Amino acid sequence: MSQPIQLSLEQQFSIRSFETQVQRMSREQAQEFLIKLYEQMMVRENMYKEFLKHEWGLGANPQFES
């Protein structure tokens, strides 16, 4: 990829809304939120990995078509 991926106008708006919500949080709330967000990112990453393994037949029991 030679060019960075651009966010849509809707995504940019969502980021601004998120920014406003975070700014209204206390430090402790923001820290807890950040930890939960990071956990969700890791779960999503694992889901993508498992999906790709399945789609590419790289699981424990790959199914090869004859």
C-alpha atoms as a PDB file:
ATOM      1  CA  MET A   1       0.000   0.000   0.000  1.00  0.00           C
ATOM      2  CA  SER A   2       1.590   3.204  -1.108  1.00  0.00           C
ATOM      3  CA  GLN A   3      -1.075   5.498   0.337  1.00  0.00           C
ATOM      4  CA  PRO A   4      -2.432   5.435   3.891  1.00  0.00           C
ATOM      5  CA  ILE A   5      -6.036   4.334   4.227  1.00  0.00           C
ATOM      6  CA  GLN A   6      -8.332   7.325   4.657  1.00  0.00           C
ATOM      7  CA  LEU A   7     -11.282   7.395   7.035  1.00  0.00           C
ATOM      8  CA  SER A   8     -14.725   8.228   5.732  1.00  0.00           C
ATOM      9  CA  LEU A   9     -16.477  11.391   6.858  1.00  0.00           C
ATOM     10  CA  GLU A  10     -18.778   9.255   9.007  1.00  0.00           C
ATOM     11  CA  GLN A  11     -15.784   7.581  10.676  1.00  0.00           C
ATOM     12  CA  GLN A  12     -14.160  10.958  11.315  1.00  0.00           C
ATOM     13  CA  PHE A  13     -17.372  12.159  12.953  1.00  0.00           C
ATOM     14  CA  SER A  14     -17.459   9.015  15.084  1.00  0.00           C
ATOM     15  CA  ILE A  15     -13.906   9.698  16.250  1.00  0.00           C
ATOM     16  CA  ARG A  16     -14.823  13.248  17.267  1.00  0.00           C
ATOM     17  CA  SER A  17     -17.824  11.962  19.186  1.00  0.00           C
ATOM     18  CA  PHE A  18     -15.645   9.349  20.894  1.00  0.00           C
ATOM     19  CA  GLU A  19     -13.095  12.036  21.751  1.00  0.00           C
ATOM     20  CA  THR A  20     -15.801  14.112  23.460  1.00  0.00           C
ATOM     21  CA  GLN A  21     -16.948  11.115  25.510  1.00  0.00           C
ATOM     22  CA  VAL A  22     -13.408  10.314  26.637  1.00  0.00           C
ATOM     23  CA  GLN A  23     -12.700  13.918  27.605  1.00  0.00           C
ATOM     24  CA  ARG A  24     -15.706  13.811  29.948  1.00  0.00           C
ATOM     25  CA  MET A  25     -14.403  10.722  31.765  1.00  0.00           C
ATOM     26  CA  SER A  26     -12.393  10.795  34.943  1.00  0.00           C
ATOM     27  CA  ARG A  27      -8.831   9.534  34.738  1.00  0.00           C
ATOM     28  CA  GLU A  28      -9.834   6.241  36.382  1.00  0.00           C
ATOM     29  CA  GLN A  29     -12.787   5.761  34.020  1.00  0.00           C
ATOM     30  CA  ALA A  30     -10.576   6.459  31.011  1.00  0.00           C
ATOM     31  CA  GLN A  31      -7.954   3.968  32.216  1.00  0.00           C
ATOM     32  CA  GLU A  32     -10.569   1.244  32.760  1.00  0.00           C
ATOM     33  CA  PHE A  33     -12.094   2.007  29.377  1.00  0.00           C
ATOM     34  CA  LEU A  34      -8.716   1.835  27.663  1.00  0.00           C
ATOM     35  CA  ILE A  35      -7.987  -1.568  29.205  1.00  0.00           C
ATOM     36  CA  LYS A  36     -11.367  -2.927  28.058  1.00  0.00           C
ATOM     37  CA  LEU A  37     -10.862  -1.464  24.583  1.00  0.00           C
ATOM     38  CA  TYR A  38      -7.449  -3.108  24.306  1.00  0.00           C
ATOM     39  CA  GLU A  39      -8.932  -6.427  25.415  1.00  0.00           C
ATOM     40  CA  GLN A  40     -11.628  -6.144  22.734  1.00  0.00           C
ATOM     41  CA  MET A  41      -8.971  -5.379  20.120  1.00  0.00           C
ATOM     42  CA  MET A  42      -7.086  -8.537  21.077  1.00  0.00           C
ATOM     43  CA  VAL A  43     -10.270 -10.635  20.924  1.00  0.00           C
ATOM     44  CA  ARG A  44     -11.064  -9.192  17.475  1.00  0.00           C
ATOM     45  CA  GLU A  45      -7.542  -9.956  16.290  1.00  0.00           C
ATOM     46  CA  ASN A  46      -7.899 -13.568  17.472  1.00  0.00           C
ATOM     47  CA  MET A  47     -11.251 -13.849  15.709  1.00  0.00           C
ATOM     48  CA  TYR A  48      -9.694 -12.598  12.457  1.00  0.00           C
ATOM     49  CA  LYS A  49      -6.826 -15.077  12.811  1.00  0.00           C
ATOM     50  CA  GLU A  50      -9.207 -17.981  13.386  1.00  0.00           C
ATOM     51  CA  PHE A  51     -11.403 -16.901  10.490  1.00  0.00           C
ATOM     52  CA  LEU A  52      -8.415 -16.734   8.144  1.00  0.00           C
ATOM     53  CA  LYS A  53      -7.112 -20.115   9.326  1.00  0.00           C
ATOM     54  CA  HIS A  54     -10.511 -21.597   8.612  1.00  0.00           C
ATOM     55  CA  GLU A  55     -10.874 -19.911   5.217  1.00  0.00           C
ATOM     56  CA  TRP A  56      -7.361 -20.890   4.151  1.00  0.00           C
ATOM     57  CA  GLY A  57      -7.636 -24.445   5.503  1.00  0.00           C
ATOM     58  CA  LEU A  58      -4.837 -23.978   8.020  1.00  0.00           C
ATOM     59  CA  GLY A  59      -6.676 -25.351  11.055  1.00  0.00           C
ATOM     60  CA  ALA A  60      -5.879 -28.546  12.961  1.00  0.00           C
ATOM     61  CA  ASN A  61      -7.842 -30.643  10.444  1.00  0.00           C
ATOM     62  CA  PRO A  62      -7.551 -28.940   7.048  1.00  0.00           C
ATOM     63  CA  GLN A  63     -10.038 -30.153   4.453  1.00  0.00           C
ATOM     64  CA  PHE A  64      -8.437 -30.628   1.044  1.00  0.00           C
ATOM     65  CA  GLU A  65     -10.687 -31.072  -1.950  1.00  0.00           C
ATOM     66  CA  SER A  66      -9.788 -33.864  -4.378  1.00  0.00           C
END
